[in-house]
Amino acid sequence: MPSNADERQLLDELRDLLAATVEDLTVEEVDPDASLQDDLGVDSLARLELVAAIEDRWQIEVPEEQAEQLTTVRQIAAHLAEAVAAPAGGTA
């Protein structure tokens, strides 16, 4: 389980990535409990771009079914904490 400092760093990196990926979105607007679609205006195309950016940044694969279930910034961060901590080649 990641420490609070690790979780904070992950959230900060994710907020930066969201702001860089989603048009007209600033880091200040990205609240950890914000809904991607309802609060941040992330549409289906932006979601695909975000998933691709996450996969590239953290060198992980996020299956489409799983990506659709991640609806808040905090949920994505929790998924990343698990995925990054999992040993390479482990079961998903």
Protein backbone atom coordinates (compact mmCIF):
# COMPACT_ATOMS: atom_id res chain seq x y z
CA MET A 1 0.00 0.00 0.00
CA PRO A 2 1.45 3.39 -0.96
CA SER A 3 2.25 5.96 1.71
CA ASN A 4 0.39 9.26 1.94
CA ALA A 5 3.40 11.02 0.39
CA ASP A 6 3.41 8.54 -2.50
CA GLU A 7 -0.33 8.97 -2.96
CA ARG A 8 0.02 12.78 -2.95
CA GLN A 9 2.82 12.62 -5.52
CA LEU A 10 0.77 10.29 -7.71
CA LEU A 11 -2.26 12.60 -7.49
CA ASP A 12 -0.09 15.62 -8.35
CA GLU A 13 1.41 13.87 -11.37
CA LEU A 14 -2.04 12.75 -12.47
CA ARG A 15 -3.43 16.28 -12.10
CA ASP A 16 -0.55 17.61 -14.23
CA LEU A 17 -1.17 14.92 -16.84
CA LEU A 18 -4.91 15.69 -16.96
CA ALA A 19 -4.25 19.40 -17.42
CA ALA A 20 -1.76 18.67 -20.20
CA THR A 21 -4.06 16.17 -21.93
CA VAL A 22 -7.52 17.73 -21.61
CA GLU A 23 -8.09 20.95 -23.52
CA ASP A 24 -9.00 24.04 -21.46
CA LEU A 25 -8.32 22.31 -18.14
CA THR A 26 -5.91 23.68 -15.54
CA VAL A 27 -4.22 21.84 -12.68
CA GLU A 28 -6.14 24.00 -10.20
CA GLU A 29 -9.45 22.70 -11.59
CA VAL A 30 -8.50 19.05 -11.06
CA ASP A 31 -9.86 18.05 -7.66
CA PRO A 32 -9.09 14.48 -6.53
CA ASP A 33 -12.79 13.71 -6.13
CA ALA A 34 -13.81 15.35 -9.40
CA SER A 35 -15.77 13.27 -11.89
CA LEU A 36 -13.91 13.11 -15.17
CA GLN A 37 -17.05 13.56 -17.24
CA ASP A 38 -19.37 15.62 -15.04
CA ASP A 39 -16.89 17.96 -13.33
CA LEU A 40 -13.95 18.12 -15.73
CA GLY A 41 -15.76 17.74 -19.05
CA VAL A 42 -13.68 14.78 -20.22
CA ASP A 43 -15.44 13.36 -23.29
CA SER A 44 -14.83 9.98 -24.88
CA LEU A 45 -12.01 11.23 -27.11
CA ALA A 46 -10.27 13.01 -24.22
CA ARG A 47 -10.66 9.84 -22.12
CA LEU A 48 -8.86 7.81 -24.80
CA GLU A 49 -6.08 10.39 -24.94
CA LEU A 50 -5.83 10.38 -21.15
CA VAL A 51 -5.61 6.57 -20.97
CA ALA A 52 -2.90 6.60 -23.66
CA ALA A 53 -0.97 9.27 -21.74
CA ILE A 54 -1.28 7.29 -18.48
CA GLU A 55 -0.11 4.10 -20.18
CA ASP A 56 2.86 5.94 -21.69
CA ARG A 57 3.80 7.80 -18.50
CA TRP A 58 3.61 4.82 -16.13
CA GLN A 59 4.41 2.06 -18.65
CA ILE A 60 1.27 0.08 -17.82
CA GLU A 61 -1.68 -1.21 -19.79
CA VAL A 62 -5.19 -0.11 -18.84
CA PRO A 63 -7.83 -2.38 -20.41
CA GLU A 64 -10.79 -0.48 -21.90
CA GLU A 65 -13.30 -2.13 -19.55
CA GLN A 66 -11.22 -1.05 -16.56
CA ALA A 67 -10.74 2.47 -17.88
CA GLU A 68 -14.50 2.92 -18.20
CA GLN A 69 -14.94 2.10 -14.50
CA LEU A 70 -12.44 4.75 -13.40
CA THR A 71 -14.67 7.81 -13.20
CA THR A 72 -12.87 10.08 -10.70
CA VAL A 73 -9.33 11.35 -10.41
CA ARG A 74 -8.93 9.54 -7.06
CA GLN A 75 -10.06 6.22 -8.58
CA ILE A 76 -7.46 6.57 -11.33
CA ALA A 77 -4.77 7.37 -8.75
CA ALA A 78 -5.74 4.31 -6.67
CA HIS A 79 -5.61 2.12 -9.79
CA LEU A 80 -2.20 3.54 -10.68
CA ALA A 81 -0.88 2.92 -7.15
CA GLU A 82 -1.85 -0.74 -7.45
CA ALA A 83 -0.66 -1.13 -11.05
CA VAL A 84 2.70 0.55 -10.46
CA ALA A 85 3.29 -1.42 -7.24
CA ALA A 86 2.41 -4.77 -8.88
CA PRO A 87 5.41 -6.80 -10.01
CA ALA A 88 6.00 -6.93 -13.74
CA GLY A 89 4.35 -9.91 -15.32
CA GLY A 90 2.00 -10.34 -12.38
CA THR A 91 -1.66 -11.17 -12.76
CA ALA A 92 -4.10 -8.32 -13.25
